[in-house]
């Protein structure tokens, strides 16, 4: 464990003061403020908050990303949300980008489940803005990895099939459309060219984004079970793209996204992590 990771983990443990974590949720662009709000669609109670700065981490600079960890309860489950993420394209080391996630996983006596959410672009025409996608796999052939040295972890089942089934059950109960898909990583910060979209589609990608993949690998290396939930906020690169459009679509999907995540977390057919 690096000095930075040790320091951030200690800060998170002090923030938690022995409170448990059943679920770690990393919030994508435009999603964190609503999900972490006490009056938001998750209905967080016993809410507590600490800034990333107080954990010794830089604040995200990308519009739509929060700057805090928020702990609370959803039903009888304890959740800890990272309201905004750091990206390598902001100039941060990959270890810094996953430090808060690793700290939340390591902070308690047991491994929590991890839900990674993301705002994504559609690589396939049948995926329209507002569609929710349960991640079944990912493509990160040339992007960053948080692992250093001979950490040859098995990624054949990176996204847990049981958690994905629970996502589908939650979506059905919320009467919200959910399809499975593969997340393709693009380094960013520029959006993808039409040729890049065509290549990623040919390789098997369904949605594309600039995060998530390295977080999934970091969580898997710590033996956490992972679910991924992407929101399609824009279509592929044959139309003009703007980050403001991403945020508008994210805001419009808050209720549906919150209902699905709440159903996943509250799922009483599952045992605790």
C-alpha atoms as a PDB file:
ATOM      1  CA  UNK A   1       0.000   0.000   0.000  1.00  0.00           C
ATOM      2  CA  UNK A   2       1.379   3.417  -0.962  1.00  0.00           C
ATOM      3  CA  UNK A   3       1.772   6.215   1.561  1.00  0.00           C
ATOM      4  CA  UNK A   4      -1.070   8.108  -0.132  1.00  0.00           C
ATOM      5  CA  UNK A   5      -3.386   5.093   0.018  1.00  0.00           C
ATOM      6  CA  UNK A   6      -2.545   4.424   3.658  1.00  0.00           C
ATOM      7  CA  UNK A   7      -3.246   8.046   4.548  1.00  0.00           C
ATOM      8  CA  UNK A   8      -6.568   8.201   2.678  1.00  0.00           C
ATOM      9  CA  UNK A   9      -7.718   4.890   4.184  1.00  0.00           C
ATOM     10  CA  UNK A  10      -6.934   6.149   7.688  1.00  0.00           C
ATOM     11  CA  UNK A  11      -8.924   9.339   7.027  1.00  0.00           C
ATOM     12  CA  UNK A  12     -11.911   7.320   5.774  1.00  0.00           C
ATOM     13  CA  UNK A  13     -11.800   5.057   8.834  1.00  0.00           C
ATOM     14  CA  UNK A  14     -11.830   8.119  11.083  1.00  0.00           C
ATOM     15  CA  UNK A  15     -14.769   9.542   9.148  1.00  0.00           C
ATOM     16  CA  UNK A  16     -16.726   6.302   9.497  1.00  0.00           C
ATOM     17  CA  UNK A  17     -16.048   5.973  13.249  1.00  0.00           C
ATOM     18  CA  UNK A  18     -16.784   2.259  13.104  1.00  0.00           C
ATOM     19  CA  UNK A  19     -19.933   2.577  10.993  1.00  0.00           C
ATOM     20  CA  UNK A  20     -20.282  -0.295   8.508  1.00  0.00           C
ATOM     21  CA  UNK A  21     -20.413  -0.158   4.723  1.00  0.00           C
ATOM     22  CA  UNK A  22     -22.533  -2.689   2.828  1.00  0.00           C
ATOM     23  CA  UNK A  23     -22.339  -0.877  -0.509  1.00  0.00           C
ATOM     24  CA  UNK A  24     -19.805   1.470  -2.065  1.00  0.00           C
ATOM     25  CA  UNK A  25     -21.283   3.564  -4.883  1.00  0.00           C
ATOM     26  CA  UNK A  26     -19.161   5.664  -7.237  1.00  0.00           C
ATOM     27  CA  UNK A  27     -21.260   8.315  -8.960  1.00  0.00           C
ATOM     28  CA  UNK A  28     -20.823   9.306 -12.588  1.00  0.00           C
ATOM     29  CA  UNK A  29     -21.130  12.721 -14.182  1.00  0.00           C
ATOM     30  CA  UNK A  30     -24.238  14.594 -13.064  1.00  0.00           C
ATOM     31  CA  UNK A  31     -25.399  11.777 -10.767  1.00  0.00           C
ATOM     32  CA  UNK A  32     -23.753  12.320  -7.391  1.00  0.00           C
ATOM     33  CA  UNK A  33     -25.556  15.397  -6.101  1.00  0.00           C
ATOM     34  CA  UNK A  34     -29.007  13.846  -6.453  1.00  0.00           C
ATOM     35  CA  UNK A  35     -28.139  10.350  -5.238  1.00  0.00           C
ATOM     36  CA  UNK A  36     -26.339  11.658  -2.140  1.00  0.00           C
ATOM     37  CA  UNK A  37     -29.024  14.192  -1.199  1.00  0.00           C
ATOM     38  CA  UNK A  38     -31.137  13.299   1.837  1.00  0.00           C
ATOM     39  CA  UNK A  39     -34.197  14.310  -0.192  1.00  0.00           C
ATOM     40  CA  UNK A  40     -32.985  12.475  -3.300  1.00  0.00           C
ATOM     41  CA  UNK A  41     -34.320   9.308  -4.922  1.00  0.00           C
ATOM     42  CA  UNK A  42     -32.295   6.982  -2.666  1.00  0.00           C
ATOM     43  CA  UNK A  43     -33.812   8.490   0.483  1.00  0.00           C
ATOM     44  CA  UNK A  44     -30.569   8.461   2.483  1.00  0.00           C
ATOM     45  CA  UNK A  45     -31.016   8.695   6.259  1.00  0.00           C
ATOM     46  CA  UNK A  46     -28.431   9.210   9.016  1.00  0.00           C
ATOM     47  CA  UNK A  47     -26.464  11.075   6.373  1.00  0.00           C
ATOM     48  CA  UNK A  48     -22.841  12.133   7.050  1.00  0.00           C
ATOM     49  CA  UNK A  49     -20.401  13.812   4.673  1.00  0.00           C
ATOM     50  CA  UNK A  50     -16.674  14.459   4.342  1.00  0.00           C
ATOM     51  CA  UNK A  51     -14.958  16.362   1.535  1.00  0.00           C
ATOM     52  CA  UNK A  52     -12.323  14.714  -0.620  1.00  0.00           C
ATOM     53  CA  UNK A  53     -10.015  17.556   0.407  1.00  0.00           C
ATOM     54  CA  UNK A  54     -10.347  16.470   4.050  1.00  0.00           C
ATOM     55  CA  UNK A  55      -9.217  13.011   2.952  1.00  0.00           C
ATOM     56  CA  UNK A  56      -6.095  14.506   1.403  1.00  0.00           C
ATOM     57  CA  UNK A  57      -7.339  14.124  -2.173  1.00  0.00           C
ATOM     58  CA  UNK A  58      -7.779  16.714  -4.931  1.00  0.00           C
ATOM     59  CA  UNK A  59     -11.274  17.819  -5.855  1.00  0.00           C
ATOM     60  CA  UNK A  60     -12.689  16.799  -9.244  1.00  0.00           C
ATOM     61  CA  UNK A  61     -12.628  19.683 -11.707  1.00  0.00           C
ATOM     62  CA  UNK A  62     -15.140  18.281 -14.176  1.00  0.00           C
ATOM     63  CA  UNK A  63     -18.593  19.884 -14.135  1.00  0.00           C
ATOM     64  CA  UNK A  64     -21.217  17.528 -12.731  1.00  0.00           C
ATOM     65  CA  UNK A  65     -18.874  15.743 -10.319  1.00  0.00           C
ATOM     66  CA  UNK A  66     -19.243  16.204  -6.566  1.00  0.00           C
ATOM     67  CA  UNK A  67     -16.377  16.577  -4.136  1.00  0.00           C
ATOM     68  CA  UNK A  68     -17.312  14.419  -1.157  1.00  0.00           C
ATOM     69  CA  UNK A  69     -17.889  11.002   0.336  1.00  0.00           C
ATOM     70  CA  UNK A  70     -21.363  10.611   1.795  1.00  0.00           C
ATOM     71  CA  UNK A  71     -22.342   7.832   4.211  1.00  0.00           C
ATOM     72  CA  UNK A  72     -25.946   6.974   4.976  1.00  0.00           C
ATOM     73  CA  UNK A  73     -28.542   4.231   5.160  1.00  0.00           C
ATOM     74  CA  UNK A  74     -30.922   2.988   2.503  1.00  0.00           C
ATOM     75  CA  UNK A  75     -33.378   0.793   4.342  1.00  0.00           C
ATOM     76  CA  UNK A  76     -31.251  -1.434   6.548  1.00  0.00           C
ATOM     77  CA  UNK A  77     -28.203  -1.186   4.270  1.00  0.00           C
ATOM     78  CA  UNK A  78     -25.270   1.131   4.915  1.00  0.00           C
ATOM     79  CA  UNK A  79     -23.936   2.847   1.806  1.00  0.00           C
ATOM     80  CA  UNK A  80     -20.995   5.129   1.137  1.00  0.00           C
ATOM     81  CA  UNK A  81     -21.131   7.226  -2.016  1.00  0.00           C
ATOM     82  CA  UNK A  82     -18.283   8.940  -3.799  1.00  0.00           C
ATOM     83  CA  UNK A  83     -20.176  11.859  -5.324  1.00  0.00           C
ATOM     84  CA  UNK A  84     -17.564  12.619  -7.975  1.00  0.00           C
ATOM     85  CA  UNK A  85     -14.609  10.806  -9.444  1.00  0.00           C
ATOM     86  CA  UNK A  86     -11.117  11.791 -10.461  1.00  0.00           C
ATOM     87  CA  UNK A  87      -9.957  11.039 -14.000  1.00  0.00           C
ATOM     88  CA  UNK A  88      -6.463  10.459 -15.370  1.00  0.00           C
ATOM     89  CA  UNK A  89      -7.156  13.047 -18.090  1.00  0.00           C
ATOM     90  CA  UNK A  90      -7.301  15.704 -15.350  1.00  0.00           C
ATOM     91  CA  UNK A  91      -3.614  15.057 -14.775  1.00  0.00           C
ATOM     92  CA  UNK A  92      -3.958  12.794 -11.727  1.00  0.00           C
ATOM     93  CA  UNK A  93      -1.974   9.631 -11.173  1.00  0.00           C
ATOM     94  CA  UNK A  94      -4.101   6.522 -11.576  1.00  0.00           C
ATOM     95  CA  UNK A  95      -3.425   5.563  -7.938  1.00  0.00           C
ATOM     96  CA  UNK A  96      -4.920   8.894  -6.840  1.00  0.00           C
ATOM     97  CA  UNK A  97      -7.986   8.326  -9.021  1.00  0.00           C
ATOM     98  CA  UNK A  98      -8.827   5.069  -7.205  1.00  0.00           C
ATOM     99  CA  UNK A  99      -7.606   6.012  -3.711  1.00  0.00           C
ATOM    100  CA  UNK A 100     -11.040   6.894  -2.294  1.00  0.00           C
ATOM    101  CA  UNK A 101     -12.607   3.748  -3.764  1.00  0.00           C
ATOM    102  CA  UNK A 102      -9.878   1.545  -2.342  1.00  0.00           C
ATOM    103  CA  UNK A 103     -10.176   3.264   1.041  1.00  0.00           C
ATOM    104  CA  UNK A 104     -13.935   2.662   1.231  1.00  0.00           C
ATOM    105  CA  UNK A 105     -13.421  -1.016   0.388  1.00  0.00           C
ATOM    106  CA  UNK A 106     -10.617  -1.418   2.927  1.00  0.00           C
ATOM    107  CA  UNK A 107     -12.089   0.697   5.728  1.00  0.00           C
ATOM    108  CA  UNK A 108     -14.257  -1.951   7.386  1.00  0.00           C
ATOM    109  CA  UNK A 109     -13.863  -5.519   8.613  1.00  0.00           C
ATOM    110  CA  UNK A 110     -15.698  -6.984   5.598  1.00  0.00           C
ATOM    111  CA  UNK A 111     -15.659  -6.320   1.872  1.00  0.00           C
ATOM    112  CA  UNK A 112     -18.625  -4.256   0.697  1.00  0.00           C
ATOM    113  CA  UNK A 113     -20.228  -4.688  -2.687  1.00  0.00           C
ATOM    114  CA  UNK A 114     -19.277  -2.017  -5.223  1.00  0.00           C
ATOM    115  CA  UNK A 115     -21.573  -0.261  -7.703  1.00  0.00           C
ATOM    116  CA  UNK A 116     -19.850   1.817 -10.372  1.00  0.00           C
ATOM    117  CA  UNK A 117     -22.136   4.248 -12.201  1.00  0.00           C
ATOM    118  CA  UNK A 118     -21.212   6.210 -15.294  1.00  0.00           C
ATOM    119  CA  UNK A 119     -22.561   8.593 -17.896  1.00  0.00           C
ATOM    120  CA  UNK A 120     -21.725   7.077 -21.278  1.00  0.00           C
ATOM    121  CA  UNK A 121     -22.033   7.502 -25.002  1.00  0.00           C
ATOM    122  CA  UNK A 122     -23.871   4.931 -27.080  1.00  0.00           C
ATOM    123  CA  UNK A 123     -21.850   2.941 -29.600  1.00  0.00           C
ATOM    124  CA  UNK A 124     -24.948   1.272 -31.048  1.00  0.00           C
ATOM    125  CA  UNK A 125     -27.937   3.061 -32.626  1.00  0.00           C
ATOM    126  CA  UNK A 126     -30.513   1.067 -30.656  1.00  0.00           C
ATOM    127  CA  UNK A 127     -29.229   2.600 -27.408  1.00  0.00           C
ATOM    128  CA  UNK A 128     -30.927   5.962 -26.999  1.00  0.00           C
ATOM    129  CA  UNK A 129     -30.278   8.740 -24.498  1.00  0.00           C
ATOM    130  CA  UNK A 130     -31.740   7.845 -21.112  1.00  0.00           C
ATOM    131  CA  UNK A 131     -31.252   4.088 -21.523  1.00  0.00           C
ATOM    132  CA  UNK A 132     -29.778   2.270 -18.515  1.00  0.00           C
ATOM    133  CA  UNK A 133     -27.165  -0.409 -19.209  1.00  0.00           C
ATOM    134  CA  UNK A 134     -26.030  -3.119 -16.774  1.00  0.00           C
ATOM    135  CA  UNK A 135     -22.360  -3.764 -17.449  1.00  0.00           C
ATOM    136  CA  UNK A 136     -21.448  -7.387 -18.151  1.00  0.00           C
ATOM    137  CA  UNK A 137     -17.867  -6.755 -19.291  1.00  0.00           C
ATOM    138  CA  UNK A 138     -15.441  -4.031 -20.347  1.00  0.00           C
ATOM    139  CA  UNK A 139     -12.816  -3.093 -22.934  1.00  0.00           C
ATOM    140  CA  UNK A 140      -9.686  -1.336 -21.698  1.00  0.00           C
ATOM    141  CA  UNK A 141      -6.983  -2.463 -24.100  1.00  0.00           C
ATOM    142  CA  UNK A 142      -4.935   0.724 -24.128  1.00  0.00           C
ATOM    143  CA  UNK A 143      -6.179   2.641 -21.111  1.00  0.00           C
ATOM    144  CA  UNK A 144      -4.721   3.003 -17.616  1.00  0.00           C
ATOM    145  CA  UNK A 145      -4.541   0.258 -15.006  1.00  0.00           C
ATOM    146  CA  UNK A 146      -4.242   0.791 -11.248  1.00  0.00           C
ATOM    147  CA  UNK A 147      -2.137  -2.352 -10.831  1.00  0.00           C
ATOM    148  CA  UNK A 148       1.648  -2.329 -10.597  1.00  0.00           C
ATOM    149  CA  UNK A 149       3.848  -5.405 -10.710  1.00  0.00           C
ATOM    150  CA  UNK A 150       2.805  -9.049 -11.132  1.00  0.00           C
ATOM    151  CA  UNK A 151      -0.827  -8.681 -10.013  1.00  0.00           C
ATOM    152  CA  UNK A 152      -2.262 -11.096 -12.547  1.00  0.00           C
ATOM    153  CA  UNK A 153      -5.837 -10.990 -11.284  1.00  0.00           C
ATOM    154  CA  UNK A 154      -8.611 -12.959 -12.962  1.00  0.00           C
ATOM    155  CA  UNK A 155     -10.985 -10.629 -14.824  1.00  0.00           C
ATOM    156  CA  UNK A 156     -13.061 -13.314 -16.554  1.00  0.00           C
ATOM    157  CA  UNK A 157     -16.027 -12.448 -14.285  1.00  0.00           C
ATOM    158  CA  UNK A 158     -15.163  -8.838 -13.496  1.00  0.00           C
ATOM    159  CA  UNK A 159     -18.795  -7.759 -13.136  1.00  0.00           C
ATOM    160  CA  UNK A 160     -20.662 -10.132 -10.844  1.00  0.00           C
ATOM    161  CA  UNK A 161     -23.505 -11.969 -12.587  1.00  0.00           C
ATOM    162  CA  UNK A 162     -25.521 -12.268  -9.380  1.00  0.00           C
ATOM    163  CA  UNK A 163     -25.419  -8.526  -8.791  1.00  0.00           C
ATOM    164  CA  UNK A 164     -26.368  -7.945 -12.421  1.00  0.00           C
ATOM    165  CA  UNK A 165     -29.416 -10.182 -11.942  1.00  0.00           C
ATOM    166  CA  UNK A 166     -30.347  -8.073  -8.937  1.00  0.00           C
ATOM    167  CA  UNK A 167     -30.028  -4.924 -11.066  1.00  0.00           C
ATOM    168  CA  UNK A 168     -32.473  -6.398 -13.560  1.00  0.00           C
ATOM    169  CA  UNK A 169     -34.867  -7.348 -10.785  1.00  0.00           C
ATOM    170  CA  UNK A 170     -34.687  -3.822  -9.379  1.00  0.00           C
ATOM    171  CA  UNK A 171     -35.257  -2.303 -12.824  1.00  0.00           C
ATOM    172  CA  UNK A 172     -38.271  -4.556 -13.415  1.00  0.00           C
ATOM    173  CA  UNK A 173     -39.784  -3.522 -10.092  1.00  0.00           C
ATOM    174  CA  UNK A 174     -39.137   0.137 -10.949  1.00  0.00           C
ATOM    175  CA  UNK A 175     -40.630  -0.351 -14.449  1.00  0.00           C
ATOM    176  CA  UNK A 176     -37.431   0.973 -15.968  1.00  0.00           C
ATOM    177  CA  UNK A 177     -35.759  -0.347 -19.112  1.00  0.00           C
ATOM    178  CA  UNK A 178     -32.388  -2.010 -18.499  1.00  0.00           C
ATOM    179  CA  UNK A 179     -30.220  -3.880 -21.000  1.00  0.00           C
ATOM    180  CA  UNK A 180     -26.834  -5.585 -20.675  1.00  0.00           C
ATOM    181  CA  UNK A 181     -23.770  -4.160 -22.374  1.00  0.00           C
ATOM    182  CA  UNK A 182     -19.994  -3.864 -22.610  1.00  0.00           C
ATOM    183  CA  UNK A 183     -18.276  -0.655 -21.474  1.00  0.00           C
ATOM    184  CA  UNK A 184     -15.430   0.525 -23.713  1.00  0.00           C
ATOM    185  CA  UNK A 185     -12.827   2.869 -22.249  1.00  0.00           C
ATOM    186  CA  UNK A 186     -11.672   5.990 -24.081  1.00  0.00           C
ATOM    187  CA  UNK A 187      -8.904   8.015 -22.499  1.00  0.00           C
ATOM    188  CA  UNK A 188     -10.435  11.450 -23.165  1.00  0.00           C
ATOM    189  CA  UNK A 189     -10.949  14.238 -22.436  1.00  0.00           C
ATOM    190  CA  UNK A 190     -11.927  14.686 -26.091  1.00  0.00           C
ATOM    191  CA  UNK A 191     -14.975  12.813 -27.314  1.00  0.00           C
ATOM    192  CA  UNK A 192     -14.496   9.936 -29.728  1.00  0.00           C
ATOM    193  CA  UNK A 193     -14.097  10.313 -33.477  1.00  0.00           C
ATOM    194  CA  UNK A 194     -16.424   8.418 -35.843  1.00  0.00           C
ATOM    195  CA  UNK A 195     -13.560   6.042 -36.671  1.00  0.00           C
ATOM    196  CA  UNK A 196     -12.949   5.350 -32.977  1.00  0.00           C
ATOM    197  CA  UNK A 197     -16.648   4.708 -32.425  1.00  0.00           C
ATOM    198  CA  UNK A 198     -16.675   2.248 -35.335  1.00  0.00           C
ATOM    199  CA  UNK A 199     -13.583   0.466 -34.004  1.00  0.00           C
ATOM    200  CA  UNK A 200     -14.926   0.153 -30.459  1.00  0.00           C
ATOM    201  CA  UNK A 201     -18.237  -1.135 -31.807  1.00  0.00           C
ATOM    202  CA  UNK A 202     -16.395  -3.718 -33.922  1.00  0.00           C
ATOM    203  CA  UNK A 203     -14.485  -4.867 -30.828  1.00  0.00           C
ATOM    204  CA  UNK A 204     -17.745  -5.529 -28.996  1.00  0.00           C
ATOM    205  CA  UNK A 205     -18.361  -2.305 -27.101  1.00  0.00           C
ATOM    206  CA  UNK A 206     -21.895  -1.065 -26.506  1.00  0.00           C
ATOM    207  CA  UNK A 207     -21.223   2.137 -24.553  1.00  0.00           C
ATOM    208  CA  UNK A 208     -18.111   4.274 -24.184  1.00  0.00           C
ATOM    209  CA  UNK A 209     -16.769   6.418 -21.356  1.00  0.00           C
ATOM    210  CA  UNK A 210     -13.617   7.840 -19.786  1.00  0.00           C
ATOM    211  CA  UNK A 211     -13.677   6.157 -16.366  1.00  0.00           C
ATOM    212  CA  UNK A 212     -14.973   3.030 -14.607  1.00  0.00           C
ATOM    213  CA  UNK A 213     -12.663   0.380 -16.102  1.00  0.00           C
ATOM    214  CA  UNK A 214      -9.697   1.129 -13.868  1.00  0.00           C
ATOM    215  CA  UNK A 215     -12.003   1.381 -10.850  1.00  0.00           C
ATOM    216  CA  UNK A 216     -13.433  -2.062 -11.596  1.00  0.00           C
ATOM    217  CA  UNK A 217      -9.937  -3.552 -11.773  1.00  0.00           C
ATOM    218  CA  UNK A 218      -8.926  -1.854  -8.511  1.00  0.00           C
ATOM    219  CA  UNK A 219     -12.026  -3.191  -6.733  1.00  0.00           C
ATOM    220  CA  UNK A 220     -11.568  -6.686  -8.179  1.00  0.00           C
ATOM    221  CA  UNK A 221      -7.973  -6.763  -6.936  1.00  0.00           C
ATOM    222  CA  UNK A 222      -9.384  -6.231  -3.422  1.00  0.00           C
ATOM    223  CA  UNK A 223     -11.850  -9.141  -3.832  1.00  0.00           C
ATOM    224  CA  UNK A 224     -14.935  -6.938  -3.939  1.00  0.00           C
ATOM    225  CA  UNK A 225     -17.993  -7.986  -5.939  1.00  0.00           C
ATOM    226  CA  UNK A 226     -18.770  -5.373  -8.580  1.00  0.00           C
ATOM    227  CA  UNK A 227     -21.856  -4.192 -10.429  1.00  0.00           C
ATOM    228  CA  UNK A 228     -21.768  -1.581 -13.167  1.00  0.00           C
ATOM    229  CA  UNK A 229     -24.644   0.672 -14.199  1.00  0.00           C
ATOM    230  CA  UNK A 230     -24.239   3.030 -17.148  1.00  0.00           C
ATOM    231  CA  UNK A 231     -26.606   5.771 -18.250  1.00  0.00           C
ATOM    232  CA  UNK A 232     -26.574   6.593 -21.953  1.00  0.00           C
ATOM    233  CA  UNK A 233     -26.364  10.386 -22.106  1.00  0.00           C
ATOM    234  CA  UNK A 234     -25.443  10.899 -25.753  1.00  0.00           C
ATOM    235  CA  UNK A 235     -25.296   9.028 -29.018  1.00  0.00           C
ATOM    236  CA  UNK A 236     -22.205   8.175 -31.046  1.00  0.00           C
ATOM    237  CA  UNK A 237     -19.887  10.618 -32.752  1.00  0.00           C
ATOM    238  CA  UNK A 238     -21.928  11.252 -35.894  1.00  0.00           C
ATOM    239  CA  UNK A 239     -23.594  14.174 -34.085  1.00  0.00           C
ATOM    240  CA  UNK A 240     -22.132  17.108 -32.195  1.00  0.00           C
ATOM    241  CA  UNK A 241     -21.426  16.438 -28.515  1.00  0.00           C
ATOM    242  CA  UNK A 242     -21.413  18.781 -25.554  1.00  0.00           C
ATOM    243  CA  UNK A 243     -20.779  18.074 -21.856  1.00  0.00           C
ATOM    244  CA  UNK A 244     -23.816  20.188 -20.942  1.00  0.00           C
ATOM    245  CA  UNK A 245     -25.993  17.680 -22.816  1.00  0.00           C
ATOM    246  CA  UNK A 246     -24.502  14.899 -20.689  1.00  0.00           C
ATOM    247  CA  UNK A 247     -25.435  16.715 -17.494  1.00  0.00           C
ATOM    248  CA  UNK A 248     -28.976  17.479 -18.691  1.00  0.00           C
ATOM    249  CA  UNK A 249     -29.635  13.837 -19.533  1.00  0.00           C
ATOM    250  CA  UNK A 250     -28.187  12.751 -16.189  1.00  0.00           C
ATOM    251  CA  UNK A 251     -30.488  15.116 -14.302  1.00  0.00           C
ATOM    252  CA  UNK A 252     -33.515  13.876 -16.234  1.00  0.00           C
ATOM    253  CA  UNK A 253     -32.701  10.279 -15.270  1.00  0.00           C
ATOM    254  CA  UNK A 254     -32.217  10.870 -11.528  1.00  0.00           C
ATOM    255  CA  UNK A 255     -35.512   9.316 -10.443  1.00  0.00           C
ATOM    256  CA  UNK A 256     -35.216   6.199 -12.612  1.00  0.00           C
ATOM    257  CA  UNK A 257     -31.579   5.696 -11.681  1.00  0.00           C
ATOM    258  CA  UNK A 258     -32.307   6.216  -7.992  1.00  0.00           C
ATOM    259  CA  UNK A 259     -35.181   3.735  -8.074  1.00  0.00           C
ATOM    260  CA  UNK A 260     -33.011   1.034  -9.648  1.00  0.00           C
ATOM    261  CA  UNK A 261     -30.072   1.638  -7.308  1.00  0.00           C
ATOM    262  CA  UNK A 262     -32.374   1.746  -4.294  1.00  0.00           C
ATOM    263  CA  UNK A 263     -33.924  -1.552  -5.323  1.00  0.00           C
ATOM    264  CA  UNK A 264     -30.501  -3.107  -5.773  1.00  0.00           C
ATOM    265  CA  UNK A 265     -29.275  -1.978  -2.370  1.00  0.00           C
ATOM    266  CA  UNK A 266     -32.480  -2.953  -0.552  1.00  0.00           C
ATOM    267  CA  UNK A 267     -32.744  -6.371  -2.232  1.00  0.00           C
ATOM    268  CA  UNK A 268     -33.742  -8.587   0.707  1.00  0.00           C
ATOM    269  CA  UNK A 269     -33.011 -11.817  -1.175  1.00  0.00           C
ATOM    270  CA  UNK A 270     -29.288 -11.120  -0.825  1.00  0.00           C
ATOM    271  CA  UNK A 271     -27.075 -11.775   2.109  1.00  0.00           C
ATOM    272  CA  UNK A 272     -24.829  -9.030   3.394  1.00  0.00           C
ATOM    273  CA  UNK A 273     -21.417  -8.735   1.744  1.00  0.00           C
END
